[in-house]
Amino acid sequence: MLADTDVRWNVISASVDDRSAVERGVQNGQGPAQPPADTGSSQRIYKSRYSSIDCFIGQSAQHREALNDVPVAVNAEAQRQLAAAGIDSSLARHVAHLFVRDPLVLYHERLCQDNSADNDHFENLQSTNWNTVRFKPPPSAANNALDIKWRVEFRPMEVGLTDFENAAFAAFTVLISRAILEHNLDLYMPISKIDANMDAAHARDAVLNKVFFFRHSHVPASKPSLSPVGVCAVCAGRCPEEGLAQLTIDEIMNGSCCKGVVGLLDRARAVLDADGCTGNHRLQLESYLHFIGHRASGKLMTTAAWLRHLVLSHPDYCYDSVVSEAITADVLMRCRDVAEGHCFPRELLPDLTSAAAYHSALAAGNVAGTRGGRNRPDCQTSSVHAVPGGHTADAAFISCVPPAPTCIGAVC
């Protein structure tokens, strides 16, 4: 059957959702259920084990506890043990939340082990909580010949059909994570808004037709009165929704001069500028960022839109949502041809998929909008230069006037 969604996250989430009725908050489908009186053994768990993140664990100046606005169930005994061992409350809550789940897989030969030397029991739970981001400790010393350190996995994206697409998004993820750390960016938003964004992303052509909560300014405010937007008179202190706006993916990625929004692609380019990245390495990375900008703006189709187009345009399709074996076979063959480089559908992939080709186009002046794809009617400036004490990318929008301060929530 042809699905009317662009994302399969909720389908996978439901397929591994092993919460009981009480944990889901329903009683035989009739309404809310309450945990047993003795509690502790069963409590409300608000999300499937395959979901967006449940809480933040950062300790940066931008982290605020008010951002964790969705209740998080915890294993109380695990939380007490972690606190007694000196683990900070934020991380203790995160780990204790993992232990409200039951293991999905148990191996007889792994039941008895020395937990002081092997962390397999922990990884059994950690690796079956599939969130959009995962905080991973190093392997146990006995299994860490490569001296692997602490890691953060960014996990919401699907694999692409081609190596070029996968390399582009992998490179962008590294660059934007560096931008956050090195330029002290503030991209925090309440957990509930992240969940709302995940829901909105499932809609057909959401990349073109939906708006998403995102920080209007990425530069942290030293105090509420200095925040460029979103200062809320209702809240005492910083409102958790301060600085949020509802933006399209195009505006989030490529920016908007009229709205005073710096695109994440320009943040990534600022990292390359600071590194003094030039030559073929820079050209290859620019080809990736250029491609992502075109996907975000709709100049290139998403994979979901392209697959749907293949089905809808197939001669055997009867507009009844039925994807026959013949249609499936033809679509899969087409995907294989794209993945193996036998064809390059120009509605899906850029004309320039190599650094050499991109370099030739740049030299000939045939690539427009190399600073975030900004040959756009709403943009009056395209130069990006350093601002003393500020962020490189912000200078491109120095002449733009942002909208009046707003607060997204009716009551903060």
Protein backbone atom coordinates (compact mmCIF):
# COMPACT_ATOMS: atom_id res chain seq x y z
CA MET A 1 0.00 0.00 0.00
CA LEU A 2 1.13 3.54 -0.73
CA ALA A 3 1.51 5.45 2.56
CA ASP A 4 0.51 9.09 2.81
CA THR A 5 3.53 9.95 4.94
CA ASP A 6 7.09 10.99 4.19
CA VAL A 7 8.62 9.42 7.32
CA ARG A 8 8.36 5.91 8.73
CA TRP A 9 9.53 6.77 12.26
CA ASN A 10 6.10 6.33 13.88
CA VAL A 11 5.60 2.99 12.15
CA ILE A 12 8.84 1.61 13.57
CA SER A 13 8.07 3.20 16.93
CA ALA A 14 4.74 1.37 17.14
CA SER A 15 6.26 -1.92 15.97
CA VAL A 16 8.56 -2.12 19.02
CA ASP A 17 6.26 -0.43 21.54
CA ASP A 18 5.98 -2.99 24.32
CA ARG A 19 4.43 -0.73 26.97
CA SER A 20 1.50 -2.10 28.92
CA ALA A 21 -1.89 -0.37 28.97
CA VAL A 22 -1.03 1.25 32.30
CA GLU A 23 2.34 2.42 30.98
CA ARG A 24 0.64 3.87 27.90
CA GLY A 25 -1.97 5.58 30.09
CA VAL A 26 -5.02 3.72 28.79
CA GLN A 27 -7.34 1.19 30.39
CA ASN A 28 -8.80 -1.31 27.89
CA GLY A 29 -9.08 1.53 25.42
CA GLN A 30 -11.63 3.26 27.66
CA GLY A 31 -9.55 6.08 29.09
CA PRO A 32 -6.71 6.92 31.45
CA ALA A 33 -5.38 4.19 33.69
CA GLN A 34 -3.71 4.66 37.03
CA PRO A 35 -0.67 2.71 38.25
CA PRO A 36 -1.32 0.17 41.02
CA ALA A 37 -1.49 1.52 44.53
CA ASP A 38 1.86 -0.04 45.47
CA THR A 39 3.35 1.63 42.31
CA GLY A 40 7.06 1.43 41.48
CA SER A 41 6.46 -1.68 39.37
CA SER A 42 4.39 0.13 36.78
CA GLN A 43 4.18 3.82 35.93
CA ARG A 44 3.17 6.02 33.03
CA ILE A 45 5.79 5.94 30.26
CA TYR A 46 5.01 8.64 27.74
CA LYS A 47 6.91 7.32 24.72
CA SER A 48 7.79 4.10 22.97
CA ARG A 49 11.34 2.85 23.38
CA TYR A 50 11.78 4.00 19.75
CA SER A 51 11.16 7.73 20.01
CA SER A 52 12.56 11.22 20.13
CA ILE A 53 14.74 12.01 23.13
CA ASP A 54 13.08 12.04 26.55
CA CYS A 55 15.20 14.64 28.33
CA PHE A 56 18.29 16.81 28.00
CA ILE A 57 21.41 15.95 29.98
CA GLY A 58 23.62 18.93 29.11
CA GLN A 59 25.40 21.12 31.63
CA SER A 60 26.06 24.11 29.39
CA ALA A 61 24.95 27.61 30.26
CA GLN A 62 22.09 27.29 27.75
CA HIS A 63 20.65 24.17 29.38
CA ARG A 64 17.59 24.87 31.50
CA GLU A 65 15.57 22.33 33.43
CA ALA A 66 12.34 23.95 32.20
CA LEU A 67 13.14 22.59 28.73
CA ASN A 68 12.40 19.07 30.02
CA ASP A 69 8.65 19.68 29.92
CA VAL A 70 7.52 16.09 29.19
CA PRO A 71 7.38 13.80 32.27
CA VAL A 72 10.14 11.19 32.38
CA ALA A 73 9.53 7.88 34.15
CA VAL A 74 12.51 6.59 36.13
CA ASN A 75 13.56 3.49 38.01
CA ALA A 76 13.71 5.02 41.49
CA GLU A 77 16.22 2.49 42.87
CA ALA A 78 18.56 2.97 39.93
CA GLN A 79 18.32 6.74 40.35
CA ARG A 80 19.20 6.46 44.05
CA GLN A 81 22.23 4.28 43.31
CA LEU A 82 23.48 6.68 40.66
CA ALA A 83 23.04 9.70 42.94
CA ALA A 84 24.87 7.90 45.76
CA ALA A 85 27.75 7.21 43.36
CA GLY A 86 28.10 10.93 42.63
CA ILE A 87 26.39 11.04 39.24
CA ASP A 88 24.78 14.43 38.60
CA SER A 89 20.99 14.55 38.72
CA SER A 90 20.55 15.18 34.98
CA LEU A 91 22.57 12.15 33.88
CA ALA A 92 21.19 10.01 36.72
CA ARG A 93 17.64 10.67 35.53
CA HIS A 94 18.58 9.79 31.95
CA VAL A 95 20.15 6.45 32.90
CA ALA A 96 17.41 5.63 35.43
CA HIS A 97 14.87 6.19 32.66
CA LEU A 98 16.51 3.46 30.58
CA PHE A 99 15.88 1.02 33.42
CA VAL A 100 12.09 1.41 33.34
CA ARG A 101 12.14 -0.83 30.24
CA ASP A 102 12.39 -4.60 30.15
CA PRO A 103 15.18 -6.23 28.13
CA LEU A 104 14.05 -7.33 24.67
CA VAL A 105 16.75 -9.95 24.14
CA LEU A 106 18.52 -12.17 26.67
CA TYR A 107 21.27 -14.69 25.94
CA HIS A 108 21.72 -17.55 28.34
CA GLU A 109 25.50 -17.38 28.17
CA ARG A 110 25.43 -13.67 29.07
CA LEU A 111 23.18 -13.86 32.12
CA CYS A 112 25.99 -14.18 34.67
CA GLN A 113 28.87 -11.76 34.30
CA ASP A 114 31.05 -9.41 36.30
CA ASN A 115 29.33 -6.05 35.93
CA SER A 116 32.44 -4.27 37.20
CA ALA A 117 34.38 -5.53 34.18
CA ASP A 118 31.71 -5.93 31.51
CA ASN A 119 28.88 -3.54 30.65
CA ASP A 120 26.86 -5.97 28.52
CA HIS A 121 23.89 -5.87 30.89
CA PHE A 122 23.73 -2.09 30.56
CA GLU A 123 24.16 -2.20 26.79
CA ASN A 124 21.30 -4.70 26.61
CA LEU A 125 18.97 -1.90 27.71
CA GLN A 126 20.87 1.00 26.19
CA SER A 127 20.93 -0.53 22.71
CA THR A 128 17.19 -1.30 22.72
CA ASN A 129 16.18 2.27 23.54
CA TRP A 130 16.23 3.78 20.07
CA ASN A 131 16.09 7.56 20.39
CA THR A 132 16.90 10.37 17.98
CA VAL A 133 20.11 10.95 19.95
CA ARG A 134 22.01 8.41 22.02
CA PHE A 135 24.66 9.10 24.67
CA LYS A 136 27.09 6.18 24.57
CA PRO A 137 29.73 5.32 27.16
CA PRO A 138 32.97 3.64 26.09
CA PRO A 139 33.02 -0.16 25.80
CA SER A 140 34.31 -2.04 28.81
CA ALA A 141 38.10 -2.03 29.13
CA ALA A 142 38.36 -5.67 28.09
CA ASN A 143 36.55 -4.89 24.82
CA ASN A 144 38.09 -1.52 24.03
CA ALA A 145 41.34 -2.19 22.22
CA LEU A 146 40.77 0.91 20.06
CA ASP A 147 40.40 3.17 23.12
CA ILE A 148 36.93 4.36 22.10
CA LYS A 149 35.76 7.39 24.11
CA TRP A 150 32.34 8.70 25.09
CA ARG A 151 30.16 9.29 22.04
CA VAL A 152 26.96 11.02 20.98
CA GLU A 153 25.02 9.39 18.15
CA PHE A 154 22.73 11.46 15.94
CA ARG A 155 20.13 8.94 14.83
CA PRO A 156 16.95 10.36 13.19
CA MET A 157 17.97 10.18 9.53
CA GLU A 158 17.25 7.47 7.00
CA VAL A 159 20.03 6.04 4.85
CA GLY A 160 20.06 7.58 1.37
CA LEU A 161 20.15 5.80 -1.95
CA THR A 162 23.63 7.03 -2.85
CA ASP A 163 26.98 7.41 -1.14
CA PHE A 164 26.90 11.10 -2.07
CA GLU A 165 23.69 11.74 -0.13
CA ASN A 166 24.90 9.82 2.91
CA ALA A 167 28.27 11.59 2.87
CA ALA A 168 26.54 14.96 2.56
CA PHE A 169 24.36 14.51 5.63
CA ALA A 170 27.16 12.88 7.64
CA ALA A 171 29.49 15.79 6.86
CA PHE A 172 26.79 18.34 7.67
CA THR A 173 26.08 16.66 11.02
CA VAL A 174 29.75 16.87 11.98
CA LEU A 175 30.01 20.51 10.89
CA ILE A 176 26.87 21.66 12.70
CA SER A 177 27.92 19.83 15.90
CA ARG A 178 31.25 21.65 15.71
CA ALA A 179 29.44 24.94 15.14
CA ILE A 180 27.37 24.38 18.29
CA LEU A 181 30.45 23.63 20.39
CA GLU A 182 32.95 26.08 18.93
CA HIS A 183 30.60 29.03 18.44
CA ASN A 184 28.59 28.44 21.61
CA LEU A 185 25.27 28.27 19.76
CA ASP A 186 21.99 27.83 21.59
CA LEU A 187 19.62 25.52 19.68
CA TYR A 188 17.72 24.28 22.72
CA MET A 189 13.94 24.07 22.68
CA PRO A 190 11.42 22.32 24.97
CA ILE A 191 11.12 18.55 24.51
CA SER A 192 7.40 18.98 23.72
CA LYS A 193 8.31 21.15 20.72
CA ILE A 194 10.78 18.52 19.46
CA ASP A 195 7.96 15.97 19.68
CA ALA A 196 5.65 18.34 17.76
CA ASN A 197 8.31 18.71 15.06
CA MET A 198 8.65 14.94 14.75
CA ASP A 199 4.90 14.63 14.28
CA ALA A 200 4.81 17.41 11.68
CA ALA A 201 7.64 15.80 9.71
CA HIS A 202 5.48 12.78 8.91
CA ALA A 203 3.11 14.72 6.67
CA ARG A 204 3.40 14.34 2.91
CA ASP A 205 5.84 16.93 1.52
CA ALA A 206 6.40 18.28 5.02
CA VAL A 207 9.73 19.70 3.88
CA LEU A 208 7.79 22.10 1.65
CA ASN A 209 4.46 22.60 3.39
CA LYS A 210 5.00 22.40 7.15
CA VAL A 211 6.56 24.76 9.66
CA PHE A 212 8.69 23.61 12.57
CA PHE A 213 9.62 25.07 15.92
CA PHE A 214 13.20 26.29 15.89
CA ARG A 215 15.36 28.94 17.48
CA HIS A 216 14.99 32.26 15.69
CA SER A 217 18.45 33.29 16.86
CA HIS A 218 21.19 30.77 17.58
CA VAL A 219 23.22 33.22 19.66
CA PRO A 220 22.62 32.69 23.38
CA ALA A 221 21.23 35.62 25.38
CA SER A 222 23.18 36.49 28.50
CA LYS A 223 19.93 37.43 30.24
CA PRO A 224 16.27 37.62 29.19
CA SER A 225 16.31 41.34 28.44
CA LEU A 226 19.02 40.83 25.81
CA SER A 227 17.20 38.09 23.92
CA PRO A 228 16.38 39.28 20.37
CA VAL A 229 12.91 37.75 20.37
CA GLY A 230 10.50 35.96 22.61
CA VAL A 231 10.94 37.80 25.92
CA CYS A 232 7.87 36.74 27.83
CA ALA A 233 6.32 39.04 30.42
CA VAL A 234 4.44 36.10 31.98
CA CYS A 235 7.49 34.07 32.92
CA ALA A 236 9.80 34.70 35.84
CA GLY A 237 13.26 34.25 34.37
CA ARG A 238 13.87 32.74 30.95
CA CYS A 239 10.81 31.29 29.30
CA PRO A 240 11.52 27.78 27.90
CA GLU A 241 9.92 28.92 24.64
CA GLU A 242 11.95 32.12 24.48
CA GLY A 243 13.34 32.77 21.03
CA LEU A 244 11.31 30.08 19.28
CA ALA A 245 9.71 30.66 15.92
CA GLN A 246 7.83 28.48 13.46
CA LEU A 247 9.98 28.20 10.35
CA THR A 248 10.05 26.15 7.18
CA ILE A 249 12.87 23.69 6.58
CA ASP A 250 14.11 26.06 3.88
CA GLU A 251 14.33 28.89 6.42
CA ILE A 252 15.99 26.69 9.02
CA MET A 253 18.62 25.36 6.64
CA ASN A 254 19.13 28.19 4.14
CA GLY A 255 18.08 31.09 6.34
CA SER A 256 15.76 34.01 5.68
CA CYS A 257 17.05 37.56 5.37
CA CYS A 258 13.66 39.18 5.90
CA LYS A 259 13.07 37.16 9.08
CA GLY A 260 16.65 37.68 10.27
CA VAL A 261 17.29 33.93 10.44
CA VAL A 262 20.78 32.58 9.85
CA GLY A 263 20.62 29.20 8.15
CA LEU A 264 22.32 26.15 9.60
CA LEU A 265 24.20 25.75 6.33
CA ASP A 266 25.84 29.11 6.93
CA ARG A 267 26.72 27.97 10.44
CA ALA A 268 28.45 24.97 8.88
CA ARG A 269 30.26 27.22 6.41
CA ALA A 270 31.44 29.45 9.25
CA VAL A 271 33.25 26.42 10.71
CA LEU A 272 34.98 25.83 7.39
CA ASP A 273 35.89 29.51 7.17
CA ALA A 274 37.38 29.45 10.68
CA ASP A 275 39.40 26.35 9.77
CA GLY A 276 40.74 28.06 6.66
CA CYS A 277 39.35 25.16 4.65
CA THR A 278 40.11 25.67 0.94
CA GLY A 279 40.96 23.72 -2.18
CA ASN A 280 39.41 20.44 -3.20
CA HIS A 281 38.44 19.58 0.37
CA ARG A 282 36.36 22.77 0.63
CA LEU A 283 34.86 22.23 -2.80
CA GLN A 284 33.75 18.73 -1.91
CA LEU A 285 32.14 19.94 1.31
CA GLU A 286 30.50 22.84 -0.53
CA SER A 287 28.97 20.39 -2.99
CA TYR A 288 27.42 18.57 -0.02
CA LEU A 289 26.06 21.75 1.56
CA HIS A 290 24.80 23.01 -1.80
CA PHE A 291 22.89 19.73 -2.27
CA ILE A 292 21.33 19.89 1.20
CA GLY A 293 20.26 23.48 0.58
CA HIS A 294 18.50 22.43 -2.61
CA ARG A 295 16.71 19.57 -0.84
CA ALA A 296 15.56 21.97 1.87
CA SER A 297 14.29 24.57 -0.64
CA GLY A 298 12.44 22.03 -2.80
CA LYS A 299 14.69 22.45 -5.81
CA LEU A 300 15.48 18.76 -5.38
CA MET A 301 12.97 16.12 -4.32
CA THR A 302 13.26 14.22 -1.08
CA THR A 303 13.62 10.46 -1.46
CA ALA A 304 10.06 10.02 -0.17
CA ALA A 305 8.64 12.41 -2.77
CA TRP A 306 10.68 10.76 -5.53
CA LEU A 307 9.50 7.25 -4.59
CA ARG A 308 5.88 8.41 -4.47
CA HIS A 309 6.32 10.01 -7.88
CA LEU A 310 7.62 6.72 -9.29
CA VAL A 311 4.52 4.91 -8.05
CA LEU A 312 2.03 7.57 -9.15
CA SER A 313 3.53 7.77 -12.64
CA HIS A 314 3.75 4.01 -13.14
CA PRO A 315 1.47 2.79 -15.96
CA ASP A 316 0.10 -0.01 -13.75
CA TYR A 317 -0.92 2.25 -10.88
CA CYS A 318 -4.70 2.58 -10.57
CA TYR A 319 -4.83 5.40 -7.99
CA ASP A 320 -6.17 3.03 -5.36
CA SER A 321 -3.09 3.07 -3.07
CA VAL A 322 -2.28 -0.52 -4.11
CA VAL A 323 1.38 -1.00 -5.01
CA SER A 324 1.43 -4.20 -7.04
CA GLU A 325 4.34 -6.61 -7.35
CA ALA A 326 5.12 -5.23 -10.79
CA ILE A 327 5.23 -1.65 -9.51
CA THR A 328 7.34 -2.71 -6.54
CA ALA A 329 9.81 -4.52 -8.77
CA ASP A 330 10.16 -1.54 -11.11
CA VAL A 331 10.65 0.90 -8.23
CA LEU A 332 13.28 -1.33 -6.63
CA MET A 333 15.13 -1.72 -9.92
CA ARG A 334 15.13 2.05 -10.32
CA CYS A 335 16.48 2.47 -6.77
CA ARG A 336 19.21 -0.06 -7.50
CA ASP A 337 20.22 1.78 -10.66
CA VAL A 338 20.47 5.05 -8.75
CA ALA A 339 22.39 3.48 -5.85
CA GLU A 340 24.89 1.82 -8.21
CA GLY A 341 25.38 4.97 -10.27
CA HIS A 342 23.74 3.78 -13.48
CA CYS A 343 21.33 6.72 -13.57
CA PHE A 344 21.16 10.18 -12.00
CA PRO A 345 17.59 11.48 -11.75
CA ARG A 346 17.97 15.25 -11.85
CA GLU A 347 14.85 15.78 -9.78
CA LEU A 348 16.50 13.85 -6.92
CA LEU A 349 20.26 14.41 -7.18
CA PRO A 350 22.34 17.47 -8.06
CA ASP A 351 24.03 17.82 -11.41
CA LEU A 352 27.32 18.13 -9.60
CA THR A 353 28.22 15.08 -7.54
CA SER A 354 32.00 15.42 -7.43
CA ALA A 355 34.44 18.04 -6.25
CA ALA A 356 35.99 18.29 -9.72
CA ALA A 357 32.68 19.02 -11.44
CA TYR A 358 31.72 21.46 -8.72
CA HIS A 359 35.07 23.24 -9.04
CA SER A 360 34.58 23.62 -12.80
CA ALA A 361 31.11 25.07 -12.29
CA LEU A 362 32.36 27.51 -9.67
CA ALA A 363 35.19 28.63 -11.93
CA ALA A 364 32.71 29.19 -14.75
CA GLY A 365 30.36 31.09 -12.47
CA ASN A 366 27.56 28.59 -13.04
CA VAL A 367 26.75 27.79 -9.41
CA ALA A 368 24.37 30.29 -7.83
CA GLY A 369 23.93 30.83 -4.14
CA THR A 370 27.06 29.13 -2.90
CA ARG A 371 26.58 30.95 0.40
CA GLY A 372 23.54 28.98 1.46
CA GLY A 373 21.79 29.03 -1.90
CA ARG A 374 20.72 32.61 -1.34
CA ASN A 375 19.77 33.93 -4.77
CA ARG A 376 16.34 34.49 -3.27
CA PRO A 377 13.79 37.29 -3.60
CA ASP A 378 13.63 37.84 0.17
CA CYS A 379 17.36 38.38 0.56
CA GLN A 380 19.18 41.65 0.05
CA THR A 381 22.70 40.59 1.00
CA SER A 382 24.88 37.59 0.28
CA SER A 383 28.25 38.53 1.77
CA VAL A 384 29.42 36.78 4.91
CA HIS A 385 32.26 38.20 6.95
CA ALA A 386 33.55 38.11 10.49
CA VAL A 387 32.01 40.33 13.15
CA PRO A 388 34.25 41.14 16.10
CA GLY A 389 32.98 39.27 19.11
CA GLY A 390 30.16 37.73 17.10
CA HIS A 391 29.42 34.89 14.74
CA THR A 392 30.66 34.89 11.17
CA ALA A 393 27.35 33.94 9.60
CA ASP A 394 25.39 36.61 11.50
CA ALA A 395 27.04 39.41 9.53
CA ALA A 396 25.20 38.41 6.35
CA PHE A 397 21.95 39.55 7.93
CA ILE A 398 23.17 42.72 9.60
CA SER A 399 20.79 44.92 7.60
CA CYS A 400 17.71 42.78 8.16
CA VAL A 401 15.05 43.71 10.68
CA PRO A 402 13.69 40.75 12.68
CA PRO A 403 10.00 40.52 13.55
CA ALA A 404 8.59 41.84 16.80
CA PRO A 405 9.16 39.67 19.91
CA THR A 406 6.64 36.90 20.36
CA CYS A 407 6.07 33.96 22.63
CA ILE A 408 4.86 30.76 20.97
CA GLY A 409 2.84 29.48 23.91
CA ALA A 410 -0.43 31.05 24.99
CA VAL A 411 0.68 30.50 28.58
CA CYS A 412 4.38 30.01 29.25
